[in-house]
Amino acid sequence: MAKKRYMPEEIIQYLRTVELETGKGPAVLDACRKLGITEQTYYRWKKEYGGLWIDQAKRLKSLEQENARLKRIVADQAVNLSIFKEVAAGNF
């Protein structure tokens, strides 16, 4: 089965829907089944996105992407620096 990716806005909407459903009485598992997600997925999303508004979730995702991009740049620079040091020392 293919893995579906959810946008942060969709995740927050699902979290709110489950909260509303559980407020009416049914268990979390029943509310998750109604939405077509697993209970484990719900709790993972709640841990990551619980209490966030949609604009905050968008900002969080953009910052995570920017952080990953910067980490790749630093790693590339570290590799280049080590190569330059080897060449300068004559150990090639």
PDB file of N, CA and C in Angstrom:
ATOM      1  N   MET A   1       0.845  -1.173   0.000  1.00  0.00           N
ATOM      2  CA  MET A   1       0.000   0.000   0.000  1.00  0.00           C
ATOM      3  C   MET A   1       0.894   1.242   0.000  1.00  0.00           C
ATOM      4  N   ALA A   2       0.579   2.193  -0.845  1.00  0.00           N
ATOM      5  CA  ALA A   2       1.364   3.421  -0.945  1.00  0.00           C
ATOM      6  C   ALA A   2       1.139   4.294   0.286  1.00  0.00           C
ATOM      7  N   LYS A   3       2.208   4.945   0.699  1.00  0.00           N
ATOM      8  CA  LYS A   3       2.146   5.823   1.862  1.00  0.00           C
ATOM      9  C   LYS A   3       1.638   7.189   1.440  1.00  0.00           C
ATOM     10  N   LYS A   4       0.584   7.668   2.093  1.00  0.00           N
ATOM     11  CA  LYS A   4       0.028   8.965   1.751  1.00  0.00           C
ATOM     12  C   LYS A   4       0.670  10.034   2.611  1.00  0.00           C
ATOM     13  N   ARG A   5       1.010  11.129   1.991  1.00  0.00           N
ATOM     14  CA  ARG A   5       1.571  12.277   2.707  1.00  0.00           C
ATOM     15  C   ARG A   5       0.453  13.275   2.975  1.00  0.00           C
ATOM     16  N   TYR A   6       0.395  13.743   4.187  1.00  0.00           N
ATOM     17  CA  TYR A   6      -0.604  14.726   4.559  1.00  0.00           C
ATOM     18  C   TYR A   6       0.076  16.071   4.753  1.00  0.00           C
ATOM     19  N   MET A   7      -0.589  17.102   4.340  1.00  0.00           N
ATOM     20  CA  MET A   7      -0.104  18.458   4.545  1.00  0.00           C
ATOM     21  C   MET A   7      -0.370  18.838   6.001  1.00  0.00           C
ATOM     22  N   PRO A   8       0.433  19.752   6.545  1.00  0.00           N
ATOM     23  CA  PRO A   8       0.216  20.148   7.951  1.00  0.00           C
ATOM     24  C   PRO A   8      -1.204  20.650   8.219  1.00  0.00           C
ATOM     25  N   GLU A   9      -1.795  21.326   7.240  1.00  0.00           N
ATOM     26  CA  GLU A   9      -3.161  21.824   7.427  1.00  0.00           C
ATOM     27  C   GLU A   9      -4.140  20.666   7.593  1.00  0.00           C
ATOM     28  N   GLU A  10      -3.950  19.608   6.789  1.00  0.00           N
ATOM     29  CA  GLU A  10      -4.821  18.442   6.885  1.00  0.00           C
ATOM     30  C   GLU A  10      -4.645  17.744   8.229  1.00  0.00           C
ATOM     31  N   ILE A  11      -3.409  17.643   8.675  1.00  0.00           N
ATOM     32  CA  ILE A  11      -3.124  16.972   9.943  1.00  0.00           C
ATOM     33  C   ILE A  11      -3.803  17.706  11.092  1.00  0.00           C
ATOM     34  N   ILE A  12      -3.678  19.013  11.111  1.00  0.00           N
ATOM     35  CA  ILE A  12      -4.300  19.798  12.182  1.00  0.00           C
ATOM     36  C   ILE A  12      -5.817  19.668  12.131  1.00  0.00           C
ATOM     37  N   GLN A  13      -6.371  19.632  10.931  1.00  0.00           N
ATOM     38  CA  GLN A  13      -7.816  19.458  10.802  1.00  0.00           C
ATOM     39  C   GLN A  13      -8.247  18.089  11.333  1.00  0.00           C
ATOM     40  N   TYR A  14      -7.478  17.044  11.021  1.00  0.00           N
ATOM     41  CA  TYR A  14      -7.785  15.706  11.539  1.00  0.00           C
ATOM     42  C   TYR A  14      -7.701  15.683  13.065  1.00  0.00           C
ATOM     43  N   LEU A  15      -6.676  16.322  13.620  1.00  0.00           N
ATOM     44  CA  LEU A  15      -6.532  16.352  15.076  1.00  0.00           C
ATOM     45  C   LEU A  15      -7.738  17.022  15.728  1.00  0.00           C
ATOM     46  N   ARG A  16      -8.167  18.116  15.150  1.00  0.00           N
ATOM     47  CA  ARG A  16      -9.328  18.823  15.717  1.00  0.00           C
ATOM     48  C   ARG A  16     -10.600  17.983  15.578  1.00  0.00           C
ATOM     49  N   THR A  17     -10.734  17.290  14.448  1.00  0.00           N
ATOM     50  CA  THR A  17     -11.906  16.445  14.239  1.00  0.00           C
ATOM     51  C   THR A  17     -11.944  15.327  15.273  1.00  0.00           C
ATOM     52  N   VAL A  18     -10.805  14.695  15.516  1.00  0.00           N
ATOM     53  CA  VAL A  18     -10.756  13.624  16.522  1.00  0.00           C
ATOM     54  C   VAL A  18     -11.093  14.179  17.901  1.00  0.00           C
ATOM     55  N   GLU A  19     -10.591  15.363  18.222  1.00  0.00           N
ATOM     56  CA  GLU A  19     -10.905  15.964  19.520  1.00  0.00           C
ATOM     57  C   GLU A  19     -12.400  16.228  19.654  1.00  0.00           C
ATOM     58  N   LEU A  20     -13.016  16.714  18.585  1.00  0.00           N
ATOM     59  CA  LEU A  20     -14.459  16.957  18.624  1.00  0.00           C
ATOM     60  C   LEU A  20     -15.239  15.663  18.767  1.00  0.00           C
ATOM     61  N   GLU A  21     -14.820  14.628  18.042  1.00  0.00           N
ATOM     62  CA  GLU A  21     -15.508  13.336  18.110  1.00  0.00           C
ATOM     63  C   GLU A  21     -15.380  12.716  19.489  1.00  0.00           C
ATOM     64  N   THR A  22     -14.187  12.790  20.073  1.00  0.00           N
ATOM     65  CA  THR A  22     -14.005  12.192  21.402  1.00  0.00           C
ATOM     66  C   THR A  22     -14.745  13.000  22.472  1.00  0.00           C
ATOM     67  N   GLY A  23     -14.979  14.269  22.219  1.00  0.00           N
ATOM     68  CA  GLY A  23     -15.764  15.075  23.152  1.00  0.00           C
ATOM     69  C   GLY A  23     -17.212  14.645  23.189  1.00  0.00           C
ATOM     70  N   LYS A  24     -17.679  14.054  22.101  1.00  0.00           N
ATOM     71  CA  LYS A  24     -19.066  13.582  22.037  1.00  0.00           C
ATOM     72  C   LYS A  24     -19.247  12.233  22.719  1.00  0.00           C
ATOM     73  N   GLY A  25     -18.135  11.532  22.946  1.00  0.00           N
ATOM     74  CA  GLY A  25     -18.282  10.263  23.644  1.00  0.00           C
ATOM     75  C   GLY A  25     -17.466   9.097  23.115  1.00  0.00           C
ATOM     76  N   PRO A  26     -17.366   8.879  21.799  1.00  0.00           N
ATOM     77  CA  PRO A  26     -16.657   7.676  21.341  1.00  0.00           C
ATOM     78  C   PRO A  26     -15.162   7.735  21.642  1.00  0.00           C
ATOM     79  N   ALA A  27     -14.554   6.570  21.660  1.00  0.00           N
ATOM     80  CA  ALA A  27     -13.126   6.476  21.964  1.00  0.00           C
ATOM     81  C   ALA A  27     -12.297   7.028  20.813  1.00  0.00           C
ATOM     82  N   VAL A  28     -11.033   7.273  21.100  1.00  0.00           N
ATOM     83  CA  VAL A  28     -10.104   7.798  20.105  1.00  0.00           C
ATOM     84  C   VAL A  28     -10.004   6.837  18.926  1.00  0.00           C
ATOM     85  N   LEU A  29      -9.972   5.540  19.220  1.00  0.00           N
ATOM     86  CA  LEU A  29      -9.852   4.537  18.167  1.00  0.00           C
ATOM     87  C   LEU A  29     -11.015   4.624  17.186  1.00  0.00           C
ATOM     88  N   ASP A  30     -12.216   4.802  17.695  1.00  0.00           N
ATOM     89  CA  ASP A  30     -13.389   4.909  16.823  1.00  0.00           C
ATOM     90  C   ASP A  30     -13.326   6.169  15.958  1.00  0.00           C
ATOM     91  N   ALA A  31     -12.909   7.272  16.544  1.00  0.00           N
ATOM     92  CA  ALA A  31     -12.798   8.521  15.791  1.00  0.00           C
ATOM     93  C   ALA A  31     -11.723   8.402  14.712  1.00  0.00           C
ATOM     94  N   CYS A  32     -10.621   7.746  15.020  1.00  0.00           N
ATOM     95  CA  CYS A  32      -9.544   7.562  14.039  1.00  0.00           C
ATOM     96  C   CYS A  32     -10.002   6.669  12.892  1.00  0.00           C
ATOM     97  N   ARG A  33     -10.714   5.614  13.222  1.00  0.00           N
ATOM     98  CA  ARG A  33     -11.234   4.726  12.173  1.00  0.00           C
ATOM     99  C   ARG A  33     -12.177   5.476  11.236  1.00  0.00           C
ATOM    100  N   LYS A  34     -12.981   6.340  11.814  1.00  0.00           N
ATOM    101  CA  LYS A  34     -13.922   7.123  11.013  1.00  0.00           C
ATOM    102  C   LYS A  34     -13.182   8.006  10.006  1.00  0.00           C
ATOM    103  N   LEU A  35     -12.006   8.522  10.395  1.00  0.00           N
ATOM    104  CA  LEU A  35     -11.211   9.380   9.519  1.00  0.00           C
ATOM    105  C   LEU A  35     -10.286   8.593   8.598  1.00  0.00           C
ATOM    106  N   GLY A  36     -10.097   7.305   8.892  1.00  0.00           N
ATOM    107  CA  GLY A  36      -9.247   6.486   8.062  1.00  0.00           C
ATOM    108  C   GLY A  36      -7.767   6.565   8.408  1.00  0.00           C
ATOM    109  N   ILE A  37      -7.467   6.878   9.657  1.00  0.00           N
ATOM    110  CA  ILE A  37      -6.076   6.897  10.111  1.00  0.00           C
ATOM    111  C   ILE A  37      -5.941   5.942  11.287  1.00  0.00           C
ATOM    112  N   THR A  38      -4.717   5.529  11.557  1.00  0.00           N
ATOM    113  CA  THR A  38      -4.507   4.631  12.685  1.00  0.00           C
ATOM    114  C   THR A  38      -4.378   5.440  13.970  1.00  0.00           C
ATOM    115  N   GLU A  39      -4.588   4.749  15.062  1.00  0.00           N
ATOM    116  CA  GLU A  39      -4.482   5.408  16.364  1.00  0.00           C
ATOM    117  C   GLU A  39      -3.038   5.845  16.606  1.00  0.00           C
ATOM    118  N   GLN A  40      -2.090   5.029  16.165  1.00  0.00           N
ATOM    119  CA  GLN A  40      -0.676   5.369  16.315  1.00  0.00           C
ATOM    120  C   GLN A  40      -0.341   6.650  15.554  1.00  0.00           C
ATOM    121  N   THR A  41      -0.879   6.772  14.339  1.00  0.00           N
ATOM    122  CA  THR A  41      -0.667   7.977  13.544  1.00  0.00           C
ATOM    123  C   THR A  41      -1.241   9.196  14.268  1.00  0.00           C
ATOM    124  N   TYR A  42      -2.413   9.044  14.836  1.00  0.00           N
ATOM    125  CA  TYR A  42      -3.033  10.148  15.574  1.00  0.00           C
ATOM    126  C   TYR A  42      -2.133  10.626  16.704  1.00  0.00           C
ATOM    127  N   TYR A  43      -1.616   9.703  17.507  1.00  0.00           N
ATOM    128  CA  TYR A  43      -0.789  10.102  18.642  1.00  0.00           C
ATOM    129  C   TYR A  43       0.546  10.684  18.189  1.00  0.00           C
ATOM    130  N   ARG A  44       1.096  10.187  17.087  1.00  0.00           N
ATOM    131  CA  ARG A  44       2.335  10.760  16.553  1.00  0.00           C
ATOM    132  C   ARG A  44       2.091  12.183  16.080  1.00  0.00           C
ATOM    133  N   TRP A  45       0.990  12.394  15.361  1.00  0.00           N
ATOM    134  CA  TRP A  45       0.636  13.742  14.905  1.00  0.00           C
ATOM    135  C   TRP A  45       0.378  14.656  16.096  1.00  0.00           C
ATOM    136  N   LYS A  46      -0.317  14.143  17.099  1.00  0.00           N
ATOM    137  CA  LYS A  46      -0.643  14.958  18.272  1.00  0.00           C
ATOM    138  C   LYS A  46       0.631  15.396  18.981  1.00  0.00           C
ATOM    139  N   LYS A  47       1.624  14.507  19.025  1.00  0.00           N
ATOM    140  CA  LYS A  47       2.896  14.839  19.660  1.00  0.00           C
ATOM    141  C   LYS A  47       3.617  15.932  18.876  1.00  0.00           C
ATOM    142  N   GLU A  48       3.542  15.871  17.550  1.00  0.00           N
ATOM    143  CA  GLU A  48       4.261  16.842  16.726  1.00  0.00           C
ATOM    144  C   GLU A  48       3.480  18.137  16.513  1.00  0.00           C
ATOM    145  N   TYR A  49       2.183  18.032  16.255  1.00  0.00           N
ATOM    146  CA  TYR A  49       1.383  19.199  15.882  1.00  0.00           C
ATOM    147  C   TYR A  49       0.377  19.626  16.935  1.00  0.00           C
ATOM    148  N   GLY A  50       0.298  18.940  18.047  1.00  0.00           N
ATOM    149  CA  GLY A  50      -0.705  19.258  19.055  1.00  0.00           C
ATOM    150  C   GLY A  50      -0.573  20.686  19.559  1.00  0.00           C
ATOM    151  N   GLY A  51      -1.644  21.442  19.532  1.00  0.00           N
ATOM    152  CA  GLY A  51      -1.631  22.807  20.030  1.00  0.00           C
ATOM    153  C   GLY A  51      -1.176  23.853  19.022  1.00  0.00           C
ATOM    154  N   LEU A  52      -0.830  23.437  17.808  1.00  0.00           N
ATOM    155  CA  LEU A  52      -0.390  24.404  16.800  1.00  0.00           C
ATOM    156  C   LEU A  52      -1.569  24.865  15.948  1.00  0.00           C
ATOM    157  N   TRP A  53      -1.477  26.082  15.495  1.00  0.00           N
ATOM    158  CA  TRP A  53      -2.419  26.587  14.517  1.00  0.00           C
ATOM    159  C   TRP A  53      -1.855  26.294  13.132  1.00  0.00           C
ATOM    160  N   ILE A  54      -2.653  26.440  12.113  1.00  0.00           N
ATOM    161  CA  ILE A  54      -2.240  26.080  10.758  1.00  0.00           C
ATOM    162  C   ILE A  54      -1.036  26.902  10.311  1.00  0.00           C
ATOM    163  N   ASP A  55      -1.034  28.198  10.569  1.00  0.00           N
ATOM    164  CA  ASP A  55       0.098  29.026  10.142  1.00  0.00           C
ATOM    165  C   ASP A  55       1.375  28.661  10.902  1.00  0.00           C
ATOM    166  N   GLN A  56       1.237  28.257  12.153  1.00  0.00           N
ATOM    167  CA  GLN A  56       2.402  27.830  12.922  1.00  0.00           C
ATOM    168  C   GLN A  56       2.968  26.517  12.382  1.00  0.00           C
ATOM    169  N   ALA A  57       2.086  25.617  11.957  1.00  0.00           N
ATOM    170  CA  ALA A  57       2.540  24.342  11.397  1.00  0.00           C
ATOM    171  C   ALA A  57       3.270  24.558  10.075  1.00  0.00           C
ATOM    172  N   LYS A  58       2.759  25.470   9.256  1.00  0.00           N
ATOM    173  CA  LYS A  58       3.433  25.788   7.993  1.00  0.00           C
ATOM    174  C   LYS A  58       4.827  26.338   8.267  1.00  0.00           C
ATOM    175  N   ARG A  59       4.913  27.222   9.229  1.00  0.00           N
ATOM    176  CA  ARG A  59       6.206  27.821   9.585  1.00  0.00           C
ATOM    177  C   ARG A  59       7.167  26.764  10.122  1.00  0.00           C
ATOM    178  N   LEU A  60       6.664  25.858  10.940  1.00  0.00           N
ATOM    179  CA  LEU A  60       7.483  24.773  11.476  1.00  0.00           C
ATOM    180  C   LEU A  60       8.061  23.929  10.352  1.00  0.00           C
ATOM    181  N   LYS A  61       7.246  23.550   9.387  1.00  0.00           N
ATOM    182  CA  LYS A  61       7.716  22.727   8.272  1.00  0.00           C
ATOM    183  C   LYS A  61       8.736  23.476   7.432  1.00  0.00           C
ATOM    184  N   SER A  62       8.503  24.758   7.181  1.00  0.00           N
ATOM    185  CA  SER A  62       9.458  25.515   6.378  1.00  0.00           C
ATOM    186  C   SER A  62      10.790  25.656   7.110  1.00  0.00           C
ATOM    187  N   LEU A  63      10.753  25.835   8.432  1.00  0.00           N
ATOM    188  CA  LEU A  63      11.990  25.919   9.207  1.00  0.00           C
ATOM    189  C   LEU A  63      12.732  24.584   9.231  1.00  0.00           C
ATOM    190  N   GLU A  64      11.994  23.485   9.294  1.00  0.00           N
ATOM    191  CA  GLU A  64      12.632  22.168   9.248  1.00  0.00           C
ATOM    192  C   GLU A  64      13.322  21.944   7.906  1.00  0.00           C
ATOM    193  N   GLN A  65      12.682  22.361   6.820  1.00  0.00           N
ATOM    194  CA  GLN A  65      13.291  22.219   5.493  1.00  0.00           C
ATOM    195  C   GLN A  65      14.531  23.094   5.370  1.00  0.00           C
ATOM    196  N   GLU A  66      14.456  24.311   5.863  1.00  0.00           N
ATOM    197  CA  GLU A  66      15.599  25.219   5.821  1.00  0.00           C
ATOM    198  C   GLU A  66      16.749  24.666   6.649  1.00  0.00           C
ATOM    199  N   ASN A  67      16.442  24.100   7.809  1.00  0.00           N
ATOM    200  CA  ASN A  67      17.460  23.515   8.667  1.00  0.00           C
ATOM    201  C   ASN A  67      18.152  22.340   7.964  1.00  0.00           C
ATOM    202  N   ALA A  68      17.396  21.495   7.297  1.00  0.00           N
ATOM    203  CA  ALA A  68      17.974  20.363   6.573  1.00  0.00           C
ATOM    204  C   ALA A  68      18.877  20.854   5.443  1.00  0.00           C
ATOM    205  N   ARG A  69      18.452  21.892   4.744  1.00  0.00           N
ATOM    206  CA  ARG A  69      19.256  22.448   3.656  1.00  0.00           C
ATOM    207  C   ARG A  69      20.575  23.003   4.184  1.00  0.00           C
ATOM    208  N   LEU A  70      20.529  23.718   5.294  1.00  0.00           N
ATOM    209  CA  LEU A  70      21.738  24.280   5.880  1.00  0.00           C
ATOM    210  C   LEU A  70      22.679  23.188   6.386  1.00  0.00           C
ATOM    211  N   LYS A  71      22.128  22.121   6.939  1.00  0.00           N
ATOM    212  CA  LYS A  71      22.964  21.010   7.394  1.00  0.00           C
ATOM    213  C   LYS A  71      23.695  20.362   6.222  1.00  0.00           C
ATOM    214  N   ARG A  72      23.019  20.225   5.075  1.00  0.00           N
ATOM    215  CA  ARG A  72      23.677  19.669   3.884  1.00  0.00           C
ATOM    216  C   ARG A  72      24.808  20.570   3.420  1.00  0.00           C
ATOM    217  N   ILE A  73      24.594  21.874   3.458  1.00  0.00           N
ATOM    218  CA  ILE A  73      25.631  22.826   3.042  1.00  0.00           C
ATOM    219  C   ILE A  73      26.848  22.713   3.951  1.00  0.00           C
ATOM    220  N   VAL A  74      26.625  22.650   5.255  1.00  0.00           N
ATOM    221  CA  VAL A  74      27.733  22.534   6.204  1.00  0.00           C
ATOM    222  C   VAL A  74      28.484  21.220   5.988  1.00  0.00           C
ATOM    223  N   ALA A  75      27.772  20.142   5.735  1.00  0.00           N
ATOM    224  CA  ALA A  75      28.426  18.856   5.502  1.00  0.00           C
ATOM    225  C   ALA A  75      29.284  18.911   4.239  1.00  0.00           C
ATOM    226  N   ASP A  76      28.766  19.523   3.181  1.00  0.00           N
ATOM    227  CA  ASP A  76      29.541  19.664   1.945  1.00  0.00           C
ATOM    228  C   ASP A  76      30.799  20.498   2.180  1.00  0.00           C
ATOM    229  N   GLN A  77      30.682  21.562   2.926  1.00  0.00           N
ATOM    230  CA  GLN A  77      31.840  22.399   3.209  1.00  0.00           C
ATOM    231  C   GLN A  77      32.880  21.650   4.043  1.00  0.00           C
ATOM    232  N   ALA A  78      32.432  20.825   4.968  1.00  0.00           N
ATOM    233  CA  ALA A  78      33.360  20.050   5.789  1.00  0.00           C
ATOM    234  C   ALA A  78      34.133  19.051   4.926  1.00  0.00           C
ATOM    235  N   VAL A  79      33.455  18.430   3.975  1.00  0.00           N
ATOM    236  CA  VAL A  79      34.126  17.496   3.070  1.00  0.00           C
ATOM    237  C   VAL A  79      35.145  18.243   2.214  1.00  0.00           C
ATOM    238  N   ASN A  80      34.743  19.371   1.659  1.00  0.00           N
ATOM    239  CA  ASN A  80      35.664  20.166   0.836  1.00  0.00           C
ATOM    240  C   ASN A  80      36.880  20.615   1.635  1.00  0.00           C
ATOM    241  N   LEU A  81      36.660  21.033   2.859  1.00  0.00           N
ATOM    242  CA  LEU A  81      37.764  21.486   3.708  1.00  0.00           C
ATOM    243  C   LEU A  81      38.756  20.354   3.983  1.00  0.00           C
ATOM    244  N   SER A  82      38.236  19.167   4.252  1.00  0.00           N
ATOM    245  CA  SER A  82      39.141  18.046   4.515  1.00  0.00           C
ATOM    246  C   SER A  82      39.924  17.667   3.261  1.00  0.00           C
ATOM    247  N   ILE A  83      39.295  17.768   2.103  1.00  0.00           N
ATOM    248  CA  ILE A  83      40.000  17.487   0.840  1.00  0.00           C
ATOM    249  C   ILE A  83      41.105  18.526   0.630  1.00  0.00           C
ATOM    250  N   PHE A  84      40.813  19.786   0.871  1.00  0.00           N
ATOM    251  CA  PHE A  84      41.817  20.836   0.703  1.00  0.00           C
ATOM    252  C   PHE A  84      42.988  20.641   1.663  1.00  0.00           C
ATOM    253  N   LYS A  85      42.702  20.224   2.894  1.00  0.00           N
ATOM    254  CA  LYS A  85      43.767  19.996   3.871  1.00  0.00           C
ATOM    255  C   LYS A  85      44.672  18.848   3.428  1.00  0.00           C
ATOM    256  N   GLU A  86      44.086  17.789   2.860  1.00  0.00           N
ATOM    257  CA  GLU A  86      44.879  16.655   2.383  1.00  0.00           C
ATOM    258  C   GLU A  86      45.771  17.069   1.221  1.00  0.00           C
ATOM    259  N   VAL A  87      45.221  17.847   0.317  1.00  0.00           N
ATOM    260  CA  VAL A  87      45.994  18.299  -0.843  1.00  0.00           C
ATOM    261  C   VAL A  87      47.114  19.221  -0.397  1.00  0.00           C
ATOM    262  N   ALA A  88      46.829  20.122   0.527  1.00  0.00           N
ATOM    263  CA  ALA A  88      47.849  21.062   1.014  1.00  0.00           C
ATOM    264  C   ALA A  88      48.959  20.330   1.756  1.00  0.00           C
ATOM    265  N   ALA A  89      48.640  19.237   2.437  1.00  0.00           N
ATOM    266  CA  ALA A  89      49.650  18.488   3.164  1.00  0.00           C
ATOM    267  C   ALA A  89      50.445  17.570   2.241  1.00  0.00           C
ATOM    268  N   GLY A  90      49.965  17.355   1.048  1.00  0.00           N
ATOM    269  CA  GLY A  90      50.652  16.480   0.097  1.00  0.00           C
ATOM    270  C   GLY A  90      50.377  15.012   0.326  1.00  0.00           C
ATOM    271  N   ASN A  91      49.257  14.672   0.919  1.00  0.00           N
ATOM    272  CA  ASN A  91      48.920  13.278   1.212  1.00  0.00           C
ATOM    273  C   ASN A  91      47.940  12.699   0.201  1.00  0.00           C
ATOM    274  N   PHE A  92      48.061  13.050  -1.035  1.00  0.00           N
ATOM    275  CA  PHE A  92      47.101  12.575  -2.023  1.00  0.00           C
ATOM    276  C   PHE A  92      47.597  11.445  -2.830  1.00  0.00           C
TER     277      PHE A  92
END
